[in-house]
Amino acid sequence: MIQLQVKHLKGFEEQLVGLIGAKSASPVLLRTRFGIHTFGMSFPIDVVILDKKRKVVRVVEALKPNRIFVWSPRFDTVLELPIGTVRKYSLKVGSLIHLELL
């Protein structure tokens, strides 16, 4: 099991803004079934989609700025992570993640 510390973004406004305007990525968790975008960001991020048991169902490394990313609406837990996190922890579909919410 992989353990990650993440900031839980709550509420519509906090999730809408996310990492926009940040100077660098920090690990955040948000809940949405509608996809994410990286418009207004100046750096790429790694993105991980989790199921209800916190098992990885989708991984994208180095999602570039000004992109849209969608997945199956069955899943609503999204981790936006600093680039290189997927590789550092060898995250892949099926990995189980324990989240420590900050």
PDB file of N, CA and C in Angstrom:
ATOM      1  N   MET A   1       0.843  -1.178   0.000  1.00  0.00           N
ATOM      2  CA  MET A   1       0.000   0.000   0.000  1.00  0.00           C
ATOM      3  C   MET A   1       0.887   1.240   0.000  1.00  0.00           C
ATOM      4  N   ILE A   2       0.495   2.229  -0.771  1.00  0.00           N
ATOM      5  CA  ILE A   2       1.237   3.474  -0.905  1.00  0.00           C
ATOM      6  C   ILE A   2       0.549   4.538  -0.069  1.00  0.00           C
ATOM      7  N   GLN A   3       1.316   5.301   0.687  1.00  0.00           N
ATOM      8  CA  GLN A   3       0.745   6.361   1.517  1.00  0.00           C
ATOM      9  C   GLN A   3       1.125   7.717   0.946  1.00  0.00           C
ATOM     10  N   LEU A   4       0.108   8.578   0.768  1.00  0.00           N
ATOM     11  CA  LEU A   4       0.328   9.919   0.248  1.00  0.00           C
ATOM     12  C   LEU A   4      -0.349  10.942   1.147  1.00  0.00           C
ATOM     13  N   GLN A   5       0.319  12.070   1.375  1.00  0.00           N
ATOM     14  CA  GLN A   5      -0.278  13.193   2.080  1.00  0.00           C
ATOM     15  C   GLN A   5      -0.827  14.145   1.023  1.00  0.00           C
ATOM     16  N   VAL A   6      -2.103  14.502   1.175  1.00  0.00           N
ATOM     17  CA  VAL A   6      -2.748  15.381   0.204  1.00  0.00           C
ATOM     18  C   VAL A   6      -3.630  16.385   0.917  1.00  0.00           C
ATOM     19  N   LYS A   7      -3.775  17.549   0.310  1.00  0.00           N
ATOM     20  CA  LYS A   7      -4.727  18.541   0.801  1.00  0.00           C
ATOM     21  C   LYS A   7      -6.073  18.241   0.153  1.00  0.00           C
ATOM     22  N   HIS A   8      -7.119  18.107   0.971  1.00  0.00           N
ATOM     23  CA  HIS A   8      -8.453  17.824   0.452  1.00  0.00           C
ATOM     24  C   HIS A   8      -9.128  19.147   0.101  1.00  0.00           C
ATOM     25  N   LEU A   9      -9.378  19.366  -1.192  1.00  0.00           N
ATOM     26  CA  LEU A   9     -10.074  20.562  -1.643  1.00  0.00           C
ATOM     27  C   LEU A   9     -11.569  20.317  -1.504  1.00  0.00           C
ATOM     28  N   LYS A  10     -12.232  21.179  -0.745  1.00  0.00           N
ATOM     29  CA  LYS A  10     -13.662  21.008  -0.481  1.00  0.00           C
ATOM     30  C   LYS A  10     -14.417  22.192  -1.068  1.00  0.00           C
ATOM     31  N   GLY A  11     -15.643  21.961  -1.400  1.00  0.00           N
ATOM     32  CA  GLY A  11     -16.477  23.034  -1.909  1.00  0.00           C
ATOM     33  C   GLY A  11     -16.206  23.346  -3.365  1.00  0.00           C
ATOM     34  N   PHE A  12     -17.214  23.881  -4.022  1.00  0.00           N
ATOM     35  CA  PHE A  12     -17.148  24.143  -5.453  1.00  0.00           C
ATOM     36  C   PHE A  12     -16.018  25.100  -5.815  1.00  0.00           C
ATOM     37  N   GLU A  13     -15.928  26.227  -5.110  1.00  0.00           N
ATOM     38  CA  GLU A  13     -14.932  27.239  -5.469  1.00  0.00           C
ATOM     39  C   GLU A  13     -13.503  26.732  -5.283  1.00  0.00           C
ATOM     40  N   GLU A  14     -13.232  26.093  -4.158  1.00  0.00           N
ATOM     41  CA  GLU A  14     -11.888  25.581  -3.895  1.00  0.00           C
ATOM     42  C   GLU A  14     -11.484  24.540  -4.950  1.00  0.00           C
ATOM     43  N   GLN A  15     -12.432  23.680  -5.343  1.00  0.00           N
ATOM     44  CA  GLN A  15     -12.137  22.669  -6.355  1.00  0.00           C
ATOM     45  C   GLN A  15     -11.993  23.285  -7.739  1.00  0.00           C
ATOM     46  N   LEU A  16     -12.786  24.305  -8.021  1.00  0.00           N
ATOM     47  CA  LEU A  16     -12.728  24.959  -9.323  1.00  0.00           C
ATOM     48  C   LEU A  16     -11.362  25.613  -9.541  1.00  0.00           C
ATOM     49  N   VAL A  17     -10.841  26.269  -8.520  1.00  0.00           N
ATOM     50  CA  VAL A  17      -9.552  26.945  -8.622  1.00  0.00           C
ATOM     51  C   VAL A  17      -8.414  25.926  -8.584  1.00  0.00           C
ATOM     52  N   GLY A  18      -8.480  24.962  -7.654  1.00  0.00           N
ATOM     53  CA  GLY A  18      -7.460  23.917  -7.574  1.00  0.00           C
ATOM     54  C   GLY A  18      -6.059  24.486  -7.543  1.00  0.00           C
ATOM     55  N   LEU A  19      -5.231  24.093  -8.495  1.00  0.00           N
ATOM     56  CA  LEU A  19      -3.836  24.531  -8.555  1.00  0.00           C
ATOM     57  C   LEU A  19      -3.611  25.734  -9.480  1.00  0.00           C
ATOM     58  N   ILE A  20      -4.692  26.297 -10.010  1.00  0.00           N
ATOM     59  CA  ILE A  20      -4.559  27.460 -10.898  1.00  0.00           C
ATOM     60  C   ILE A  20      -3.934  28.609 -10.125  1.00  0.00           C
ATOM     61  N   GLY A  21      -2.926  29.204 -10.711  1.00  0.00           N
ATOM     62  CA  GLY A  21      -2.256  30.335 -10.080  1.00  0.00           C
ATOM     63  C   GLY A  21      -1.123  29.943  -9.142  1.00  0.00           C
ATOM     64  N   ALA A  22      -1.002  28.657  -8.837  1.00  0.00           N
ATOM     65  CA  ALA A  22       0.091  28.200  -7.973  1.00  0.00           C
ATOM     66  C   ALA A  22       1.408  28.277  -8.743  1.00  0.00           C
ATOM     67  N   LYS A  23       2.491  28.473  -8.014  1.00  0.00           N
ATOM     68  CA  LYS A  23       3.813  28.505  -8.649  1.00  0.00           C
ATOM     69  C   LYS A  23       4.335  27.100  -8.945  1.00  0.00           C
ATOM     70  N   SER A  24       3.861  26.123  -8.164  1.00  0.00           N
ATOM     71  CA  SER A  24       4.240  24.724  -8.385  1.00  0.00           C
ATOM     72  C   SER A  24       3.117  23.831  -7.861  1.00  0.00           C
ATOM     73  N   ALA A  25       3.162  22.581  -8.259  1.00  0.00           N
ATOM     74  CA  ALA A  25       2.113  21.639  -7.868  1.00  0.00           C
ATOM     75  C   ALA A  25       2.331  21.166  -6.437  1.00  0.00           C
ATOM     76  N   SER A  26       1.242  20.951  -5.754  1.00  0.00           N
ATOM     77  CA  SER A  26       1.255  20.290  -4.457  1.00  0.00           C
ATOM     78  C   SER A  26       0.182  19.213  -4.520  1.00  0.00           C
ATOM     79  N   PRO A  27       0.311  18.147  -3.753  1.00  0.00           N
ATOM     80  CA  PRO A  27      -0.657  17.053  -3.850  1.00  0.00           C
ATOM     81  C   PRO A  27      -2.031  17.476  -3.309  1.00  0.00           C
ATOM     82  N   VAL A  28      -3.050  17.364  -4.163  1.00  0.00           N
ATOM     83  CA  VAL A  28      -4.410  17.698  -3.741  1.00  0.00           C
ATOM     84  C   VAL A  28      -5.374  16.591  -4.147  1.00  0.00           C
ATOM     85  N   LEU A  29      -6.437  16.480  -3.364  1.00  0.00           N
ATOM     86  CA  LEU A  29      -7.518  15.538  -3.644  1.00  0.00           C
ATOM     87  C   LEU A  29      -8.772  16.348  -3.886  1.00  0.00           C
ATOM     88  N   LEU A  30      -9.516  15.994  -4.905  1.00  0.00           N
ATOM     89  CA  LEU A  30     -10.817  16.608  -5.136  1.00  0.00           C
ATOM     90  C   LEU A  30     -11.784  15.552  -5.621  1.00  0.00           C
ATOM     91  N   ARG A  31     -13.051  15.888  -5.526  1.00  0.00           N
ATOM     92  CA  ARG A  31     -14.085  14.951  -5.951  1.00  0.00           C
ATOM     93  C   ARG A  31     -14.901  15.584  -7.078  1.00  0.00           C
ATOM     94  N   THR A  32     -14.884  14.918  -8.207  1.00  0.00           N
ATOM     95  CA  THR A  32     -15.675  15.356  -9.355  1.00  0.00           C
ATOM     96  C   THR A  32     -15.835  14.184 -10.315  1.00  0.00           C
ATOM     97  N   ARG A  33     -16.948  14.150 -10.986  1.00  0.00           N
ATOM     98  CA  ARG A  33     -17.195  13.129 -12.006  1.00  0.00           C
ATOM     99  C   ARG A  33     -17.122  13.732 -13.409  1.00  0.00           C
ATOM    100  N   PHE A  34     -16.809  15.008 -13.493  1.00  0.00           N
ATOM    101  CA  PHE A  34     -16.928  15.720 -14.754  1.00  0.00           C
ATOM    102  C   PHE A  34     -15.618  15.966 -15.467  1.00  0.00           C
ATOM    103  N   GLY A  35     -14.507  15.516 -14.907  1.00  0.00           N
ATOM    104  CA  GLY A  35     -13.210  15.757 -15.526  1.00  0.00           C
ATOM    105  C   GLY A  35     -12.531  16.953 -14.888  1.00  0.00           C
ATOM    106  N   ILE A  36     -11.292  17.173 -15.305  1.00  0.00           N
ATOM    107  CA  ILE A  36     -10.527  18.319 -14.823  1.00  0.00           C
ATOM    108  C   ILE A  36      -9.904  19.025 -16.011  1.00  0.00           C
ATOM    109  N   HIS A  37      -9.414  20.240 -15.748  1.00  0.00           N
ATOM    110  CA  HIS A  37      -8.696  20.985 -16.782  1.00  0.00           C
ATOM    111  C   HIS A  37      -7.430  21.570 -16.172  1.00  0.00           C
ATOM    112  N   THR A  38      -6.500  21.922 -17.023  1.00  0.00           N
ATOM    113  CA  THR A  38      -5.263  22.538 -16.555  1.00  0.00           C
ATOM    114  C   THR A  38      -5.088  23.937 -17.163  1.00  0.00           C
ATOM    115  N   PHE A  39      -6.197  24.563 -17.564  1.00  0.00           N
ATOM    116  CA  PHE A  39      -6.130  25.929 -18.077  1.00  0.00           C
ATOM    117  C   PHE A  39      -5.699  26.857 -16.950  1.00  0.00           C
ATOM    118  N   GLY A  40      -4.774  27.757 -17.244  1.00  0.00           N
ATOM    119  CA  GLY A  40      -4.293  28.702 -16.246  1.00  0.00           C
ATOM    120  C   GLY A  40      -3.141  28.176 -15.407  1.00  0.00           C
ATOM    121  N   MET A  41      -2.744  26.935 -15.624  1.00  0.00           N
ATOM    122  CA  MET A  41      -1.606  26.382 -14.898  1.00  0.00           C
ATOM    123  C   MET A  41      -0.355  26.559 -15.752  1.00  0.00           C
ATOM    124  N   SER A  42       0.789  26.710 -15.091  1.00  0.00           N
ATOM    125  CA  SER A  42       2.038  26.923 -15.827  1.00  0.00           C
ATOM    126  C   SER A  42       2.983  25.733 -15.722  1.00  0.00           C
ATOM    127  N   PHE A  43       2.457  24.609 -15.254  1.00  0.00           N
ATOM    128  CA  PHE A  43       3.289  23.416 -15.074  1.00  0.00           C
ATOM    129  C   PHE A  43       2.437  22.172 -15.302  1.00  0.00           C
ATOM    130  N   PRO A  44       3.065  21.072 -15.722  1.00  0.00           N
ATOM    131  CA  PRO A  44       2.323  19.816 -15.871  1.00  0.00           C
ATOM    132  C   PRO A  44       2.119  19.153 -14.506  1.00  0.00           C
ATOM    133  N   ILE A  45       1.148  18.248 -14.440  1.00  0.00           N
ATOM    134  CA  ILE A  45       0.861  17.501 -13.213  1.00  0.00           C
ATOM    135  C   ILE A  45       0.634  16.034 -13.550  1.00  0.00           C
ATOM    136  N   ASP A  46       0.836  15.188 -12.566  1.00  0.00           N
ATOM    137  CA  ASP A  46       0.408  13.796 -12.663  1.00  0.00           C
ATOM    138  C   ASP A  46      -1.007  13.723 -12.110  1.00  0.00           C
ATOM    139  N   VAL A  47      -1.837  12.884 -12.703  1.00  0.00           N
ATOM    140  CA  VAL A  47      -3.229  12.745 -12.270  1.00  0.00           C
ATOM    141  C   VAL A  47      -3.528  11.268 -12.038  1.00  0.00           C
ATOM    142  N   VAL A  48      -4.181  10.982 -10.904  1.00  0.00           N
ATOM    143  CA  VAL A  48      -4.550   9.612 -10.564  1.00  0.00           C
ATOM    144  C   VAL A  48      -6.030   9.605 -10.188  1.00  0.00           C
ATOM    145  N   ILE A  49      -6.783   8.679 -10.778  1.00  0.00           N
ATOM    146  CA  ILE A  49      -8.202   8.509 -10.467  1.00  0.00           C
ATOM    147  C   ILE A  49      -8.344   7.251  -9.605  1.00  0.00           C
ATOM    148  N   LEU A  50      -9.114   7.385  -8.505  1.00  0.00           N
ATOM    149  CA  LEU A  50      -9.295   6.276  -7.564  1.00  0.00           C
ATOM    150  C   LEU A  50     -10.742   5.822  -7.509  1.00  0.00           C
ATOM    151  N   ASP A  51     -10.938   4.535  -7.183  1.00  0.00           N
ATOM    152  CA  ASP A  51     -12.289   4.047  -6.924  1.00  0.00           C
ATOM    153  C   ASP A  51     -12.613   4.260  -5.439  1.00  0.00           C
ATOM    154  N   LYS A  52     -13.777   3.805  -4.997  1.00  0.00           N
ATOM    155  CA  LYS A  52     -14.214   4.018  -3.614  1.00  0.00           C
ATOM    156  C   LYS A  52     -13.320   3.333  -2.582  1.00  0.00           C
ATOM    157  N   LYS A  53     -12.577   2.316  -3.005  1.00  0.00           N
ATOM    158  CA  LYS A  53     -11.670   1.610  -2.086  1.00  0.00           C
ATOM    159  C   LYS A  53     -10.258   2.176  -2.151  1.00  0.00           C
ATOM    160  N   ARG A  54     -10.104   3.314  -2.853  1.00  0.00           N
ATOM    161  CA  ARG A  54      -8.820   3.992  -3.037  1.00  0.00           C
ATOM    162  C   ARG A  54      -7.827   3.186  -3.869  1.00  0.00           C
ATOM    163  N   LYS A  55      -8.386   2.396  -4.778  1.00  0.00           N
ATOM    164  CA  LYS A  55      -7.553   1.662  -5.732  1.00  0.00           C
ATOM    165  C   LYS A  55      -7.461   2.491  -7.014  1.00  0.00           C
ATOM    166  N   VAL A  56      -6.272   2.554  -7.584  1.00  0.00           N
ATOM    167  CA  VAL A  56      -6.031   3.337  -8.802  1.00  0.00           C
ATOM    168  C   VAL A  56      -6.743   2.683  -9.984  1.00  0.00           C
ATOM    169  N   VAL A  57      -7.540   3.498 -10.712  1.00  0.00           N
ATOM    170  CA  VAL A  57      -8.223   3.004 -11.909  1.00  0.00           C
ATOM    171  C   VAL A  57      -7.745   3.699 -13.181  1.00  0.00           C
ATOM    172  N   ARG A  58      -7.029   4.819 -13.023  1.00  0.00           N
ATOM    173  CA  ARG A  58      -6.516   5.539 -14.200  1.00  0.00           C
ATOM    174  C   ARG A  58      -5.337   6.396 -13.780  1.00  0.00           C
ATOM    175  N   VAL A  59      -4.328   6.467 -14.617  1.00  0.00           N
ATOM    176  CA  VAL A  59      -3.118   7.241 -14.330  1.00  0.00           C
ATOM    177  C   VAL A  59      -2.739   8.035 -15.570  1.00  0.00           C
ATOM    178  N   VAL A  60      -2.395   9.304 -15.375  1.00  0.00           N
ATOM    179  CA  VAL A  60      -1.852  10.125 -16.453  1.00  0.00           C
ATOM    180  C   VAL A  60      -0.621  10.833 -15.902  1.00  0.00           C
ATOM    181  N   GLU A  61       0.493  10.640 -16.570  1.00  0.00           N
ATOM    182  CA  GLU A  61       1.720  11.322 -16.184  1.00  0.00           C
ATOM    183  C   GLU A  61       1.896  12.578 -17.016  1.00  0.00           C
ATOM    184  N   ALA A  62       2.333  13.637 -16.351  1.00  0.00           N
ATOM    185  CA  ALA A  62       2.714  14.890 -17.013  1.00  0.00           C
ATOM    186  C   ALA A  62       1.606  15.472 -17.894  1.00  0.00           C
ATOM    187  N   LEU A  63       0.399  15.614 -17.322  1.00  0.00           N
ATOM    188  CA  LEU A  63      -0.684  16.284 -18.037  1.00  0.00           C
ATOM    189  C   LEU A  63      -0.286  17.752 -18.188  1.00  0.00           C
ATOM    190  N   LYS A  64      -0.174  18.197 -19.421  1.00  0.00           N
ATOM    191  CA  LYS A  64       0.329  19.535 -19.716  1.00  0.00           C
ATOM    192  C   LYS A  64      -0.710  20.604 -19.423  1.00  0.00           C
ATOM    193  N   PRO A  65      -0.244  21.853 -19.250  1.00  0.00           N
ATOM    194  CA  PRO A  65      -1.185  22.966 -19.100  1.00  0.00           C
ATOM    195  C   PRO A  65      -2.098  23.089 -20.324  1.00  0.00           C
ATOM    196  N   ASN A  66      -3.253  23.682 -20.095  1.00  0.00           N
ATOM    197  CA  ASN A  66      -4.241  23.962 -21.139  1.00  0.00           C
ATOM    198  C   ASN A  66      -4.815  22.711 -21.784  1.00  0.00           C
ATOM    199  N   ARG A  67      -5.048  21.704 -20.958  1.00  0.00           N
ATOM    200  CA  ARG A  67      -5.639  20.443 -21.418  1.00  0.00           C
ATOM    201  C   ARG A  67      -6.900  20.135 -20.614  1.00  0.00           C
ATOM    202  N   ILE A  68      -7.717  19.239 -21.163  1.00  0.00           N
ATOM    203  CA  ILE A  68      -8.889  18.707 -20.485  1.00  0.00           C
ATOM    204  C   ILE A  68      -8.685  17.207 -20.356  1.00  0.00           C
ATOM    205  N   PHE A  69      -9.027  16.665 -19.199  1.00  0.00           N
ATOM    206  CA  PHE A  69      -8.887  15.230 -18.954  1.00  0.00           C
ATOM    207  C   PHE A  69     -10.198  14.715 -18.377  1.00  0.00           C
ATOM    208  N   VAL A  70     -10.784  13.705 -19.028  1.00  0.00           N
ATOM    209  CA  VAL A  70     -12.032  13.094 -18.552  1.00  0.00           C
ATOM    210  C   VAL A  70     -11.826  11.587 -18.400  1.00  0.00           C
ATOM    211  N   TRP A  71     -12.681  10.968 -17.601  1.00  0.00           N
ATOM    212  CA  TRP A  71     -12.629   9.537 -17.329  1.00  0.00           C
ATOM    213  C   TRP A  71     -14.053   9.070 -17.099  1.00  0.00           C
ATOM    214  N   SER A  72     -14.225   7.804 -16.800  1.00  0.00           N
ATOM    215  CA  SER A  72     -15.555   7.260 -16.545  1.00  0.00           C
ATOM    216  C   SER A  72     -16.182   7.957 -15.341  1.00  0.00           C
ATOM    217  N   PRO A  73     -17.419   8.441 -15.478  1.00  0.00           N
ATOM    218  CA  PRO A  73     -18.074   9.130 -14.367  1.00  0.00           C
ATOM    219  C   PRO A  73     -18.417   8.213 -13.180  1.00  0.00           C
ATOM    220  N   ARG A  74     -18.113   6.927 -13.282  1.00  0.00           N
ATOM    221  CA  ARG A  74     -18.308   6.034 -12.126  1.00  0.00           C
ATOM    222  C   ARG A  74     -17.353   6.395 -10.997  1.00  0.00           C
ATOM    223  N   PHE A  75     -16.268   7.077 -11.318  1.00  0.00           N
ATOM    224  CA  PHE A  75     -15.235   7.389 -10.337  1.00  0.00           C
ATOM    225  C   PHE A  75     -15.198   8.890 -10.076  1.00  0.00           C
ATOM    226  N   ASP A  76     -15.109   9.277  -8.800  1.00  0.00           N
ATOM    227  CA  ASP A  76     -15.156  10.698  -8.466  1.00  0.00           C
ATOM    228  C   ASP A  76     -13.980  11.190  -7.618  1.00  0.00           C
ATOM    229  N   THR A  77     -12.995  10.344  -7.373  1.00  0.00           N
ATOM    230  CA  THR A  77     -11.871  10.747  -6.534  1.00  0.00           C
ATOM    231  C   THR A  77     -10.637  10.977  -7.402  1.00  0.00           C
ATOM    232  N   VAL A  78     -10.123  12.209  -7.348  1.00  0.00           N
ATOM    233  CA  VAL A  78      -9.034  12.635  -8.224  1.00  0.00           C
ATOM    234  C   VAL A  78      -7.861  13.124  -7.374  1.00  0.00           C
ATOM    235  N   LEU A  79      -6.685  12.663  -7.708  1.00  0.00           N
ATOM    236  CA  LEU A  79      -5.464  13.192  -7.104  1.00  0.00           C
ATOM    237  C   LEU A  79      -4.710  13.967  -8.170  1.00  0.00           C
ATOM    238  N   GLU A  80      -4.436  15.234  -7.896  1.00  0.00           N
ATOM    239  CA  GLU A  80      -3.559  16.037  -8.741  1.00  0.00           C
ATOM    240  C   GLU A  80      -2.243  16.108  -7.998  1.00  0.00           C
ATOM    241  N   LEU A  81      -1.186  15.648  -8.634  1.00  0.00           N
ATOM    242  CA  LEU A  81       0.093  15.448  -7.957  1.00  0.00           C
ATOM    243  C   LEU A  81       1.232  16.141  -8.707  1.00  0.00           C
ATOM    244  N   PRO A  82       2.280  16.506  -7.973  1.00  0.00           N
ATOM    245  CA  PRO A  82       3.449  17.057  -8.660  1.00  0.00           C
ATOM    246  C   PRO A  82       3.990  16.058  -9.678  1.00  0.00           C
ATOM    247  N   ILE A  83       4.470  16.593 -10.775  1.00  0.00           N
ATOM    248  CA  ILE A  83       5.024  15.737 -11.817  1.00  0.00           C
ATOM    249  C   ILE A  83       6.137  14.862 -11.225  1.00  0.00           C
ATOM    250  N   GLY A  84       6.149  13.611 -11.604  1.00  0.00           N
ATOM    251  CA  GLY A  84       7.136  12.663 -11.105  1.00  0.00           C
ATOM    252  C   GLY A  84       6.642  11.802  -9.958  1.00  0.00           C
ATOM    253  N   THR A  85       5.488  12.155  -9.376  1.00  0.00           N
ATOM    254  CA  THR A  85       4.949  11.376  -8.251  1.00  0.00           C
ATOM    255  C   THR A  85       4.559   9.977  -8.687  1.00  0.00           C
ATOM    256  N   VAL A  86       3.947   9.853  -9.857  1.00  0.00           N
ATOM    257  CA  VAL A  86       3.541   8.535 -10.358  1.00  0.00           C
ATOM    258  C   VAL A  86       4.762   7.636 -10.487  1.00  0.00           C
ATOM    259  N   ARG A  87       5.804   8.163 -11.053  1.00  0.00           N
ATOM    260  CA  ARG A  87       7.030   7.379 -11.238  1.00  0.00           C
ATOM    261  C   ARG A  87       7.709   7.094  -9.893  1.00  0.00           C
ATOM    262  N   LYS A  88       7.778   8.086  -9.019  1.00  0.00           N
ATOM    263  CA  LYS A  88       8.442   7.935  -7.721  1.00  0.00           C
ATOM    264  C   LYS A  88       7.845   6.789  -6.905  1.00  0.00           C
ATOM    265  N   TYR A  89       6.514   6.676  -6.909  1.00  0.00           N
ATOM    266  CA  TYR A  89       5.835   5.644  -6.129  1.00  0.00           C
ATOM    267  C   TYR A  89       5.420   4.433  -6.964  1.00  0.00           C
ATOM    268  N   SER A  90       5.801   4.414  -8.225  1.00  0.00           N
ATOM    269  CA  SER A  90       5.436   3.338  -9.153  1.00  0.00           C
ATOM    270  C   SER A  90       3.925   3.102  -9.159  1.00  0.00           C
ATOM    271  N   LEU A  91       3.168   4.200  -9.193  1.00  0.00           N
ATOM    272  CA  LEU A  91       1.703   4.094  -9.213  1.00  0.00           C
ATOM    273  C   LEU A  91       1.240   3.538 -10.546  1.00  0.00           C
ATOM    274  N   LYS A  92       0.319   2.604 -10.475  1.00  0.00           N
ATOM    275  CA  LYS A  92      -0.249   2.024 -11.695  1.00  0.00           C
ATOM    276  C   LYS A  92      -1.657   1.548 -11.380  1.00  0.00           C
ATOM    277  N   VAL A  93      -2.410   1.234 -12.417  1.00  0.00           N
ATOM    278  CA  VAL A  93      -3.762   0.724 -12.230  1.00  0.00           C
ATOM    279  C   VAL A  93      -3.687  -0.497 -11.316  1.00  0.00           C
ATOM    280  N   GLY A  94      -4.506  -0.477 -10.272  1.00  0.00           N
ATOM    281  CA  GLY A  94      -4.519  -1.562  -9.298  1.00  0.00           C
ATOM    282  C   GLY A  94      -3.795  -1.230  -8.006  1.00  0.00           C
ATOM    283  N   SER A  95      -2.924  -0.215  -8.017  1.00  0.00           N
ATOM    284  CA  SER A  95      -2.234   0.183  -6.785  1.00  0.00           C
ATOM    285  C   SER A  95      -3.261   0.650  -5.752  1.00  0.00           C
ATOM    286  N   LEU A  96      -3.029   0.324  -4.503  1.00  0.00           N
ATOM    287  CA  LEU A  96      -3.893   0.751  -3.406  1.00  0.00           C
ATOM    288  C   LEU A  96      -3.207   1.905  -2.696  1.00  0.00           C
ATOM    289  N   ILE A  97      -3.959   2.985  -2.467  1.00  0.00           N
ATOM    290  CA  ILE A  97      -3.379   4.185  -1.877  1.00  0.00           C
ATOM    291  C   ILE A  97      -4.077   4.511  -0.565  1.00  0.00           C
ATOM    292  N   HIS A  98      -3.268   4.773   0.465  1.00  0.00           N
ATOM    293  CA  HIS A  98      -3.781   5.276   1.734  1.00  0.00           C
ATOM    294  C   HIS A  98      -3.534   6.779   1.729  1.00  0.00           C
ATOM    295  N   LEU A  99      -4.587   7.562   1.935  1.00  0.00           N
ATOM    296  CA  LEU A  99      -4.464   9.016   1.891  1.00  0.00           C
ATOM    297  C   LEU A  99      -4.464   9.599   3.293  1.00  0.00           C
ATOM    298  N   GLU A 100      -3.489  10.440   3.553  1.00  0.00           N
ATOM    299  CA  GLU A 100      -3.453  11.216   4.792  1.00  0.00           C
ATOM    300  C   GLU A 100      -3.880  12.625   4.403  1.00  0.00           C
ATOM    301  N   LEU A 101      -5.070  13.029   4.858  1.00  0.00           N
ATOM    302  CA  LEU A 101      -5.617  14.315   4.470  1.00  0.00           C
ATOM    303  C   LEU A 101      -5.052  15.426   5.344  1.00  0.00           C
ATOM    304  N   LEU A 102      -4.582  16.476   4.706  1.00  0.00           N
ATOM    305  CA  LEU A 102      -4.016  17.624   5.429  1.00  0.00           C
ATOM    306  C   LEU A 102      -5.046  18.730   5.552  1.00  0.00           C
TER     307      LEU A 102
END
